[in-house]
C-alpha atoms as a PDB file:
ATOM      1  CA  MET A   1     115.286 108.706 116.484  1.00  0.00           C
ATOM      2  CA  GLN A   2     112.209 108.792 114.363  1.00  0.00           C
ATOM      3  CA  ARG A   3     112.264 106.531 111.548  1.00  0.00           C
ATOM      4  CA  ARG A   4     113.011 108.012 107.791  1.00  0.00           C
ATOM      5  CA  HIS A   5     114.123 111.066 108.875  1.00  0.00           C
ATOM      6  CA  PHE A   6     117.783 109.756 108.949  1.00  0.00           C
ATOM      7  CA  ILE A   7     118.888 112.065 106.267  1.00  0.00           C
ATOM      8  CA  LYS A   8     118.515 115.238 108.391  1.00  0.00           C
ATOM      9  CA  HIS A   9     121.193 113.386 110.926  1.00  0.00           C
ATOM     10  CA  THR A  10     123.511 112.460 107.890  1.00  0.00           C
ATOM     11  CA  ALA A  11     125.497 113.726 105.005  1.00  0.00           C
ATOM     12  CA  ALA A  12     125.057 110.760 102.326  1.00  0.00           C
ATOM     13  CA  ALA A  13     128.424 110.034 100.521  1.00  0.00           C
ATOM     14  CA  SER A  14     128.341 109.596  97.022  1.00  0.00           C
ATOM     15  CA  ALA A  15     131.045 109.360  94.300  1.00  0.00           C
ATOM     16  CA  LEU A  16     131.900 107.617  90.989  1.00  0.00           C
ATOM     17  CA  LEU A  17     134.501 104.662  91.884  1.00  0.00           C
ATOM     18  CA  ALA A  18     136.615 102.657  89.334  1.00  0.00           C
ATOM     19  CA  THR A  19     136.444  99.070  89.455  1.00  0.00           C
ATOM     20  CA  GLY A  20     138.270  97.967  92.352  1.00  0.00           C
ATOM     21  CA  SER A  21     138.531 101.098  94.523  1.00  0.00           C
ATOM     22  CA  PHE A  22     135.896 100.647  96.739  1.00  0.00           C
ATOM     23  CA  GLY A  23     136.755 100.242 100.519  1.00  0.00           C
ATOM     24  CA  LEU A  24     134.269  99.339 103.144  1.00  0.00           C
ATOM     25  CA  SER A  25     136.463 101.868 105.758  1.00  0.00           C
ATOM     26  CA  ALA A  26     135.062 104.825 104.412  1.00  0.00           C
ATOM     27  CA  PHE A  27     131.594 103.523 105.781  1.00  0.00           C
ATOM     28  CA  SER A  28     132.376 102.127 108.837  1.00  0.00           C
ATOM     29  CA  ASN A  29     131.572 104.209 112.209  1.00  0.00           C
ATOM     30  CA  GLY A  30     131.186 102.726 115.131  1.00  0.00           C
ATOM     31  CA  SER A  31     130.759  98.913 116.332  1.00  0.00           C
ATOM     32  CA  ASN A  32     127.607  98.639 117.885  1.00  0.00           C
ATOM     33  CA  ARG A  33     125.337  99.460 115.272  1.00  0.00           C
ATOM     34  CA  LYS A  34     123.521  97.132 112.506  1.00  0.00           C
ATOM     35  CA  HIS A  35     125.256  97.566 109.007  1.00  0.00           C
ATOM     36  CA  ILE A  36     123.175  96.138 105.956  1.00  0.00           C
ATOM     37  CA  THR A  37     124.406  96.991 102.247  1.00  0.00           C
ATOM     38  CA  ILE A  38     121.546  97.061  99.535  1.00  0.00           C
ATOM     39  CA  LEU A  39     123.425  96.274  95.732  1.00  0.00           C
ATOM     40  CA  HIS A  40     121.241  96.872  93.021  1.00  0.00           C
ATOM     41  CA  THR A  41     121.440  97.380  89.020  1.00  0.00           C
ATOM     42  CA  ASN A  42     118.102  97.681  86.781  1.00  0.00           C
ATOM     43  CA  ASP A  43     118.173  97.255  82.936  1.00  0.00           C
ATOM     44  CA  THR A  44     121.189  95.574  82.215  1.00  0.00           C
ATOM     45  CA  HIS A  45     119.432  94.086  78.968  1.00  0.00           C
ATOM     46  CA  SER A  46     121.340  90.918  78.176  1.00  0.00           C
ATOM     47  CA  ARG A  47     124.397  92.795  78.516  1.00  0.00           C
ATOM     48  CA  LEU A  48     126.857  89.728  79.694  1.00  0.00           C
ATOM     49  CA  ASP A  49     129.907  90.989  77.864  1.00  0.00           C
ATOM     50  CA  PRO A  50     131.472  94.680  78.460  1.00  0.00           C
ATOM     51  CA  PHE A  51     130.679  97.087  75.530  1.00  0.00           C
ATOM     52  CA  PRO A  52     133.051  96.811  72.797  1.00  0.00           C
ATOM     53  CA  LEU A  53     136.570  98.998  72.763  1.00  0.00           C
ATOM     54  CA  ASP A  54     135.163 101.004  70.287  1.00  0.00           C
ATOM     55  CA  ASP A  55     131.735 101.900  71.214  1.00  0.00           C
ATOM     56  CA  ALA A  56     131.253 105.745  71.089  1.00  0.00           C
ATOM     57  CA  ARG A  57     129.205 105.793  74.652  1.00  0.00           C
ATOM     58  CA  PHE A  58     130.655 103.172  76.731  1.00  0.00           C
ATOM     59  CA  PRO A  59     133.975 101.639  75.525  1.00  0.00           C
ATOM     60  CA  ASN A  60     134.875  98.832  77.717  1.00  0.00           C
ATOM     61  CA  LYS A  61     131.944  99.395  80.358  1.00  0.00           C
ATOM     62  CA  GLY A  62     130.559  96.639  82.304  1.00  0.00           C
ATOM     63  CA  GLY A  63     130.412  92.914  81.718  1.00  0.00           C
ATOM     64  CA  VAL A  64     128.857  90.354  84.140  1.00  0.00           C
ATOM     65  CA  ALA A  65     132.728  89.309  85.283  1.00  0.00           C
ATOM     66  CA  ARG A  66     133.205  92.848  86.734  1.00  0.00           C
ATOM     67  CA  ARG A  67     130.068  93.199  88.339  1.00  0.00           C
ATOM     68  CA  ALA A  68     130.708  89.458  89.974  1.00  0.00           C
ATOM     69  CA  THR A  69     134.128  90.473  91.028  1.00  0.00           C
ATOM     70  CA  LEU A  70     132.559  93.552  92.730  1.00  0.00           C
ATOM     71  CA  ILE A  71     129.711  92.176  94.484  1.00  0.00           C
ATOM     72  CA  GLU A  72     132.174  89.225  95.633  1.00  0.00           C
ATOM     73  CA  ASN A  73     134.421  91.835  97.172  1.00  0.00           C
ATOM     74  CA  ILE A  74     131.612  93.577  98.876  1.00  0.00           C
ATOM     75  CA  ARG A  75     130.114  90.584 100.556  1.00  0.00           C
ATOM     76  CA  LYS A  76     133.550  89.866 101.678  1.00  0.00           C
ATOM     77  CA  GLU A  77     133.686  93.395 103.211  1.00  0.00           C
ATOM     78  CA  ASN A  78     130.114  93.197 104.702  1.00  0.00           C
ATOM     79  CA  PRO A  79     128.078  89.636 104.735  1.00  0.00           C
ATOM     80  CA  ASN A  80     125.431  91.305 105.290  1.00  0.00           C
ATOM     81  CA  THR A  81     124.363  92.364 101.984  1.00  0.00           C
ATOM     82  CA  LEU A  82     121.673  91.966  99.782  1.00  0.00           C
ATOM     83  CA  LEU A  83     121.756  92.006  95.701  1.00  0.00           C
ATOM     84  CA  LEU A  84     118.450  93.268  94.145  1.00  0.00           C
ATOM     85  CA  ASP A  85     117.461  93.926  90.771  1.00  0.00           C
ATOM     86  CA  ALA A  86     114.562  96.391  89.278  1.00  0.00           C
ATOM     87  CA  GLY A  87     113.677  94.215  85.672  1.00  0.00           C
ATOM     88  CA  ASP A  88     114.714  94.520  82.060  1.00  0.00           C
ATOM     89  CA  TYR A  89     117.517  91.832  82.311  1.00  0.00           C
ATOM     90  CA  PHE A  90     115.994  90.281  79.093  1.00  0.00           C
ATOM     91  CA  GLN A  91     116.408  91.489  75.573  1.00  0.00           C
ATOM     92  CA  GLY A  92     119.343  93.982  74.341  1.00  0.00           C
ATOM     93  CA  THR A  93     121.977  91.574  72.890  1.00  0.00           C
ATOM     94  CA  PRO A  94     121.699  88.517  70.539  1.00  0.00           C
ATOM     95  CA  TYR A  95     122.157  86.439  73.640  1.00  0.00           C
ATOM     96  CA  PHE A  96     118.600  87.283  74.416  1.00  0.00           C
ATOM     97  CA  ASN A  97     117.895  86.290  70.872  1.00  0.00           C
ATOM     98  CA  PHE A  98     119.595  82.877  70.867  1.00  0.00           C
ATOM     99  CA  TYR A  99     118.595  81.604  74.543  1.00  0.00           C
ATOM    100  CA  GLY A 100     115.935  83.557  75.049  1.00  0.00           C
ATOM    101  CA  GLY A 101     116.947  84.293  78.805  1.00  0.00           C
ATOM    102  CA  GLU A 102     118.387  81.637  79.915  1.00  0.00           C
ATOM    103  CA  LEU A 103     122.031  82.953  79.921  1.00  0.00           C
ATOM    104  CA  GLU A 104     120.519  85.873  81.789  1.00  0.00           C
ATOM    105  CA  LEU A 105     119.037  83.981  84.762  1.00  0.00           C
ATOM    106  CA  LYS A 106     121.892  81.705  85.050  1.00  0.00           C
ATOM    107  CA  PHE A 107     124.166  84.357  85.417  1.00  0.00           C
ATOM    108  CA  MET A 108     122.203  86.248  87.764  1.00  0.00           C
ATOM    109  CA  SER A 109     121.740  83.173  90.101  1.00  0.00           C
ATOM    110  CA  MET A 110     125.403  82.722  90.086  1.00  0.00           C
ATOM    111  CA  LEU A 111     126.097  86.367  91.520  1.00  0.00           C
ATOM    112  CA  LYS A 112     123.655  85.066  93.782  1.00  0.00           C
ATOM    113  CA  TYR A 113     121.220  87.574  93.126  1.00  0.00           C
ATOM    114  CA  ASP A 114     118.680  87.816  96.455  1.00  0.00           C
ATOM    115  CA  ALA A 115     115.378  89.006  94.534  1.00  0.00           C
ATOM    116  CA  ALA A 116     114.562  91.058  91.172  1.00  0.00           C
ATOM    117  CA  THR A 117     111.001  92.155  89.853  1.00  0.00           C
ATOM    118  CA  ILE A 118     109.555  91.823  86.309  1.00  0.00           C
ATOM    119  CA  GLY A 119     109.967  94.158  83.461  1.00  0.00           C
ATOM    120  CA  ASN A 120     107.889  94.924  80.271  1.00  0.00           C
ATOM    121  CA  HIS A 121     110.757  93.100  78.236  1.00  0.00           C
ATOM    122  CA  GLU A 122     110.566  89.929  80.387  1.00  0.00           C
ATOM    123  CA  PHE A 123     107.488  89.852  78.259  1.00  0.00           C
ATOM    124  CA  ASP A 124     109.252  89.576  75.421  1.00  0.00           C
ATOM    125  CA  ASN A 125     108.755  85.832  74.258  1.00  0.00           C
ATOM    126  CA  GLY A 126     105.426  85.856  75.934  1.00  0.00           C
ATOM    127  CA  LEU A 127     104.462  84.085  79.332  1.00  0.00           C
ATOM    128  CA  ASP A 128     105.728  80.650  77.640  1.00  0.00           C
ATOM    129  CA  GLY A 129     109.057  81.816  77.384  1.00  0.00           C
ATOM    130  CA  LEU A 130     109.324  83.536  80.515  1.00  0.00           C
ATOM    131  CA  LEU A 131     108.098  80.230  82.272  1.00  0.00           C
ATOM    132  CA  ALA A 132     110.309  78.075  80.430  1.00  0.00           C
ATOM    133  CA  GLN A 133     113.268  80.305  81.692  1.00  0.00           C
ATOM    134  CA  LEU A 134     112.291  80.750  85.259  1.00  0.00           C
ATOM    135  CA  PRO A 135     113.749  77.238  86.430  1.00  0.00           C
ATOM    136  CA  HIS A 136     117.011  78.847  86.021  1.00  0.00           C
ATOM    137  CA  ALA A 137     116.479  81.590  88.630  1.00  0.00           C
ATOM    138  CA  ASN A 138     117.678  80.530  91.670  1.00  0.00           C
ATOM    139  CA  PHE A 139     116.169  83.579  93.423  1.00  0.00           C
ATOM    140  CA  PRO A 140     112.639  84.891  94.225  1.00  0.00           C
ATOM    141  CA  ILE A 141     110.507  86.701  91.095  1.00  0.00           C
ATOM    142  CA  ILE A 142     108.705  89.324  93.140  1.00  0.00           C
ATOM    143  CA  SER A 143     105.904  91.731  91.665  1.00  0.00           C
ATOM    144  CA  SER A 144     103.293  93.091  93.691  1.00  0.00           C
ATOM    145  CA  ASN A 145     100.931  94.462  90.748  1.00  0.00           C
ATOM    146  CA  TYR A 146     101.128  92.048  88.226  1.00  0.00           C
ATOM    147  CA  ASP A 147      98.050  89.476  88.742  1.00  0.00           C
ATOM    148  CA  PHE A 148      98.825  86.635  87.317  1.00  0.00           C
ATOM    149  CA  SER A 149      95.940  84.261  88.506  1.00  0.00           C
ATOM    150  CA  ASN A 150      94.366  83.522  85.618  1.00  0.00           C
ATOM    151  CA  THR A 151      97.795  82.397  83.588  1.00  0.00           C
ATOM    152  CA  ILE A 152     100.368  79.952  83.331  1.00  0.00           C
ATOM    153  CA  LEU A 153     102.660  82.075  85.704  1.00  0.00           C
ATOM    154  CA  ASP A 154     100.244  81.627  88.539  1.00  0.00           C
ATOM    155  CA  GLY A 155     102.061  80.168  91.665  1.00  0.00           C
ATOM    156  CA  TYR A 156     105.643  81.230  90.320  1.00  0.00           C
ATOM    157  CA  VAL A 157     105.768  85.004  91.226  1.00  0.00           C
ATOM    158  CA  ASP A 158     106.027  86.121  95.066  1.00  0.00           C
ATOM    159  CA  LYS A 159     104.094  89.313  95.854  1.00  0.00           C
ATOM    160  CA  TYR A 160     106.630  90.042  98.347  1.00  0.00           C
ATOM    161  CA  ARG A 161     109.827  88.591 100.047  1.00  0.00           C
ATOM    162  CA  THR A 162     111.382  89.250 103.427  1.00  0.00           C
ATOM    163  CA  PHE A 163     114.942  88.600 104.104  1.00  0.00           C
ATOM    164  CA  GLU A 164     116.899  88.441 107.828  1.00  0.00           C
ATOM    165  CA  LYS A 165     120.352  90.236 108.052  1.00  0.00           C
ATOM    166  CA  ASP A 166     121.970  90.572 111.230  1.00  0.00           C
ATOM    167  CA  GLY A 167     118.749  90.733 113.167  1.00  0.00           C
ATOM    168  CA  VAL A 168     117.495  93.325 110.651  1.00  0.00           C
ATOM    169  CA  LYS A 169     114.412  92.230 108.622  1.00  0.00           C
ATOM    170  CA  VAL A 170     113.719  93.713 105.139  1.00  0.00           C
ATOM    171  CA  GLY A 171     111.098  93.493 103.350  1.00  0.00           C
ATOM    172  CA  VAL A 172     110.910  93.427  99.241  1.00  0.00           C
ATOM    173  CA  PHE A 173     108.038  94.175  97.203  1.00  0.00           C
ATOM    174  CA  GLY A 174     108.024  94.658  93.270  1.00  0.00           C
ATOM    175  CA  LEU A 175     106.060  96.918  90.861  1.00  0.00           C
ATOM    176  CA  GLY A 176     105.760  96.782  87.304  1.00  0.00           C
ATOM    177  CA  VAL A 177     104.914  99.336  84.388  1.00  0.00           C
ATOM    178  CA  GLU A 178     101.357  99.315  82.932  1.00  0.00           C
ATOM    179  CA  LEU A 179     101.649  96.895  80.150  1.00  0.00           C
ATOM    180  CA  GLU A 180      98.657  98.094  77.719  1.00  0.00           C
ATOM    181  CA  GLY A 181      99.807 100.353  75.072  1.00  0.00           C
ATOM    182  CA  LEU A 182     103.405  99.078  75.782  1.00  0.00           C
ATOM    183  CA  VAL A 183     103.653  95.386  75.383  1.00  0.00           C
ATOM    184  CA  THR A 184     101.408  92.947  72.916  1.00  0.00           C
ATOM    185  CA  LYS A 185      98.410  91.809  74.580  1.00  0.00           C
ATOM    186  CA  LYS A 186      98.961  88.429  73.213  1.00  0.00           C
ATOM    187  CA  LEU A 187     102.085  88.456  75.096  1.00  0.00           C
ATOM    188  CA  TYR A 188     101.046  88.999  78.412  1.00  0.00           C
ATOM    189  CA  GLN A 189      97.909  87.587  77.851  1.00  0.00           C
ATOM    190  CA  GLU A 190      95.313  87.748  81.045  1.00  0.00           C
ATOM    191  CA  THR A 191      97.991  89.003  83.142  1.00  0.00           C
ATOM    192  CA  LYS A 192      96.108  92.098  85.133  1.00  0.00           C
ATOM    193  CA  TYR A 193      97.690  95.667  86.319  1.00  0.00           C
ATOM    194  CA  TYR A 194      96.861  96.841  89.189  1.00  0.00           C
ATOM    195  CA  ASP A 195      97.762 100.673  90.329  1.00  0.00           C
ATOM    196  CA  PRO A 196     101.200 101.151  91.462  1.00  0.00           C
ATOM    197  CA  ILE A 197     100.557 103.275  94.158  1.00  0.00           C
ATOM    198  CA  GLU A 198      97.259 101.352  96.019  1.00  0.00           C
ATOM    199  CA  ILE A 199      99.303  98.165  95.970  1.00  0.00           C
ATOM    200  CA  ALA A 200     102.451 100.100  96.940  1.00  0.00           C
ATOM    201  CA  GLN A 201     100.695 101.542 100.233  1.00  0.00           C
ATOM    202  CA  ASP A 202      99.114  97.679 100.855  1.00  0.00           C
ATOM    203  CA  MET A 203     102.351  96.080 100.577  1.00  0.00           C
ATOM    204  CA  SER A 204     103.969  98.860 102.926  1.00  0.00           C
ATOM    205  CA  ARG A 205     101.570  97.781 105.307  1.00  0.00           C
ATOM    206  CA  VAL A 206     101.928  94.330 105.283  1.00  0.00           C
ATOM    207  CA  LEU A 207     105.762  94.591 105.331  1.00  0.00           C
ATOM    208  CA  LYS A 208     105.600  96.531 108.408  1.00  0.00           C
ATOM    209  CA  ASP A 209     102.547  95.730 110.588  1.00  0.00           C
ATOM    210  CA  GLU A 210     102.186  92.086 109.792  1.00  0.00           C
ATOM    211  CA  GLU A 211     105.762  91.164 108.648  1.00  0.00           C
ATOM    212  CA  ASP A 212     107.394  93.433 111.251  1.00  0.00           C
ATOM    213  CA  CYS A 213     110.114  94.658 109.007  1.00  0.00           C
ATOM    214  CA  ASP A 214     112.726  97.090 109.822  1.00  0.00           C
ATOM    215  CA  LEU A 215     113.439  98.245 106.215  1.00  0.00           C
ATOM    216  CA  ILE A 216     111.090  98.306 103.277  1.00  0.00           C
ATOM    217  CA  ILE A 217     112.390  98.468  99.992  1.00  0.00           C
ATOM    218  CA  CYS A 218     110.154  98.804  96.427  1.00  0.00           C
ATOM    219  CA  LEU A 219     111.933  97.424  93.346  1.00  0.00           C
ATOM    220  CA  SER A 220     110.110  99.611  90.657  1.00  0.00           C
ATOM    221  CA  HIS A 221     109.563  99.090  86.976  1.00  0.00           C
ATOM    222  CA  ILE A 222     107.489 102.331  86.470  1.00  0.00           C
ATOM    223  CA  GLY A 223     110.100 104.694  85.859  1.00  0.00           C
ATOM    224  CA  TYR A 224     111.700 107.436  87.530  1.00  0.00           C
ATOM    225  CA  SER A 225     109.782 110.472  86.203  1.00  0.00           C
ATOM    226  CA  TYR A 226     107.768 111.514  83.286  1.00  0.00           C
ATOM    227  CA  GLU A 227     106.421 114.880  81.884  1.00  0.00           C
ATOM    228  CA  HIS A 228     102.905 113.365  81.713  1.00  0.00           C
ATOM    229  CA  ASP A 229     100.589 112.656  84.781  1.00  0.00           C
ATOM    230  CA  LYS A 230     101.590 108.591  84.469  1.00  0.00           C
ATOM    231  CA  VAL A 231     102.549 107.336  87.693  1.00  0.00           C
ATOM    232  CA  SER A 232     106.381 107.356  88.421  1.00  0.00           C
ATOM    233  CA  ASP A 233     108.485 106.756  91.072  1.00  0.00           C
ATOM    234  CA  LEU A 234     108.748 110.323  92.172  1.00  0.00           C
ATOM    235  CA  LYS A 235     105.074 110.439  92.288  1.00  0.00           C
ATOM    236  CA  LEU A 236     104.932 106.889  94.215  1.00  0.00           C
ATOM    237  CA  ALA A 237     106.983 108.247  96.717  1.00  0.00           C
ATOM    238  CA  ALA A 238     105.326 111.222  97.259  1.00  0.00           C
ATOM    239  CA  ALA A 239     101.800 109.481  97.556  1.00  0.00           C
ATOM    240  CA  THR A 240     102.617 106.753  99.938  1.00  0.00           C
ATOM    241  CA  SER A 241     103.968 105.730 103.260  1.00  0.00           C
ATOM    242  CA  GLY A 242     106.183 102.945 104.761  1.00  0.00           C
ATOM    243  CA  ILE A 243     108.829 102.680 101.944  1.00  0.00           C
ATOM    244  CA  ASP A 244     111.964 103.734 102.712  1.00  0.00           C
ATOM    245  CA  LEU A 245     113.832 103.015  99.362  1.00  0.00           C
ATOM    246  CA  ILE A 246     112.848 102.710  95.803  1.00  0.00           C
ATOM    247  CA  LEU A 247     115.048 101.006  93.371  1.00  0.00           C
ATOM    248  CA  GLY A 248     113.748 102.098  90.033  1.00  0.00           C
ATOM    249  CA  GLY A 249     114.254 100.741  86.447  1.00  0.00           C
ATOM    250  CA  HIS A 250     112.556 101.076  82.995  1.00  0.00           C
ATOM    251  CA  THR A 251     113.728 104.855  82.293  1.00  0.00           C
ATOM    252  CA  HIS A 252     117.637 104.208  82.335  1.00  0.00           C
ATOM    253  CA  THR A 253     117.802 106.811  84.478  1.00  0.00           C
ATOM    254  CA  PHE A 254     121.200 107.800  86.035  1.00  0.00           C
ATOM    255  CA  LEU A 255     121.234 109.010  89.577  1.00  0.00           C
ATOM    256  CA  PRO A 256     124.670 110.106  90.842  1.00  0.00           C
ATOM    257  CA  LYS A 257     123.000 109.789  94.312  1.00  0.00           C
ATOM    258  CA  PRO A 258     119.863 108.708  95.719  1.00  0.00           C
ATOM    259  CA  VAL A 259     116.827 111.318  95.181  1.00  0.00           C
ATOM    260  CA  ILE A 260     115.175 112.401  99.005  1.00  0.00           C
ATOM    261  CA  VAL A 261     111.317 112.876  98.781  1.00  0.00           C
ATOM    262  CA  LYS A 262     109.174 113.501 101.576  1.00  0.00           C
ATOM    263  CA  ASN A 263     106.323 111.383 101.107  1.00  0.00           C
ATOM    264  CA  SER A 264     102.386 111.677 102.443  1.00  0.00           C
ATOM    265  CA  ILE A 265     103.274 111.748 106.070  1.00  0.00           C
ATOM    266  CA  ASP A 266     106.419 113.888 105.532  1.00  0.00           C
ATOM    267  CA  GLN A 267     109.067 111.341 106.044  1.00  0.00           C
ATOM    268  CA  GLU A 268     112.125 111.029 103.412  1.00  0.00           C
ATOM    269  CA  VAL A 269     112.122 108.263 101.186  1.00  0.00           C
ATOM    270  CA  LEU A 270     114.997 107.101  99.027  1.00  0.00           C
ATOM    271  CA  ILE A 271     114.754 106.481  95.425  1.00  0.00           C
ATOM    272  CA  ASN A 272     117.503 105.527  93.092  1.00  0.00           C
ATOM    273  CA  GLN A 273     118.492 104.207  89.329  1.00  0.00           C
ATOM    274  CA  VAL A 274     121.849 103.155  88.113  1.00  0.00           C
ATOM    275  CA  GLY A 275     120.935 104.002  84.066  1.00  0.00           C
ATOM    276  CA  PHE A 276     121.299 100.707  82.307  1.00  0.00           C
ATOM    277  CA  ALA A 277     123.223  97.909  80.676  1.00  0.00           C
ATOM    278  CA  GLY A 278     124.948  97.081  83.918  1.00  0.00           C
ATOM    279  CA  ILE A 279     127.527 100.078  83.329  1.00  0.00           C
ATOM    280  CA  ASN A 280     127.252 100.971  87.334  1.00  0.00           C
ATOM    281  CA  LEU A 281     126.688  98.905  90.380  1.00  0.00           C
ATOM    282  CA  GLY A 282     124.051 100.587  93.118  1.00  0.00           C
ATOM    283  CA  ARG A 283     125.356 100.219  96.608  1.00  0.00           C
ATOM    284  CA  ILE A 284     123.450 101.871  99.609  1.00  0.00           C
ATOM    285  CA  ASP A 285     124.611 101.340 103.305  1.00  0.00           C
ATOM    286  CA  PHE A 286     121.772 101.286 105.964  1.00  0.00           C
ATOM    287  CA  TYR A 287     123.228 101.835 109.619  1.00  0.00           C
ATOM    288  CA  PHE A 288     120.210 100.877 112.250  1.00  0.00           C
ATOM    289  CA  GLU A 289     120.437 101.186 116.091  1.00  0.00           C
ATOM    290  CA  GLU A 290     117.432  99.711 118.173  1.00  0.00           C
ATOM    291  CA  LYS A 291     116.283  98.476 114.477  1.00  0.00           C
ATOM    292  CA  GLU A 292     116.063 102.030 113.330  1.00  0.00           C
ATOM    293  CA  ILE A 293     117.916 103.295 110.745  1.00  0.00           C
ATOM    294  CA  ASN A 294     119.973 105.882 112.026  1.00  0.00           C
ATOM    295  CA  GLU A 295     122.493 106.731 108.765  1.00  0.00           C
ATOM    296  CA  VAL A 296     122.435 106.019 105.033  1.00  0.00           C
ATOM    297  CA  LYS A 297     125.436 106.598 102.559  1.00  0.00           C
ATOM    298  CA  SER A 298     125.234 105.432  98.987  1.00  0.00           C
ATOM    299  CA  ILE A 299     127.618 105.191  96.182  1.00  0.00           C
ATOM    300  CA  SER A 300     127.370 104.442  92.616  1.00  0.00           C
ATOM    301  CA  ILE A 301     129.912 102.249  91.607  1.00  0.00           C
ATOM    302  CA  ASN A 302     131.695 102.090  87.861  1.00  0.00           C
ATOM    303  CA  VAL A 303     131.436  98.467  86.368  1.00  0.00           C
END
């Protein structure tokens, strides 16, 4: 079975579930396969508490405590789980205004995130403000197309990270949106932005050929799609090869199930994004045989 042609061989299961109603048995099939679970969030925007009961859009939805319970239960069902975030965990509630991101990163650390990328709102208090909060992150911050070498963040941000779960090697890299015109120059200072498509192709090559990864994930904060020519997750997937999964952010797009895009060599790439404010937790289950993906199932869980 060829890599990334797996979706033709399985019907990906997608559903919306209430808190606590998820069971691993729905995904189990066979004892010889390796099973890796990817959990993901994006654009949580300092929403540590649930929305108020009288909120017009999301009454009593979300909150870190509920997310923590869901994540804990899923990890008990499958210890081979990675928890990832696609950026913009800062800004959106008074928690950020008062504490500058400290609480957001502390709670993400308590939930044992494995990695997160940088969104544009992580620059809201400038590079000094972001650097001051990084000691509260007990997980790597990953950005592949922001060059911090001429800034105080030099050495604090990884280009990529690899993780091994049950003998399966997972490579994760991150992409950020273009900052010019979106973020005030004095906030990002000498940070250099590089073309996401070129960087993604290079990172995919490194992770596949040099790091020998079996699953390659892009944490993207460039946006799902645009009406104009701006690079997006859809364009990124179509213009590159080697990426298995793009976990997106920035546009606050809610996808009830991952979108499938053919890449530059006609292989399939999954793209997913779960809205904003932590009201959903994305879950994608990969099954491997002989280190080749042969089945994928997905679900978006209401928090």
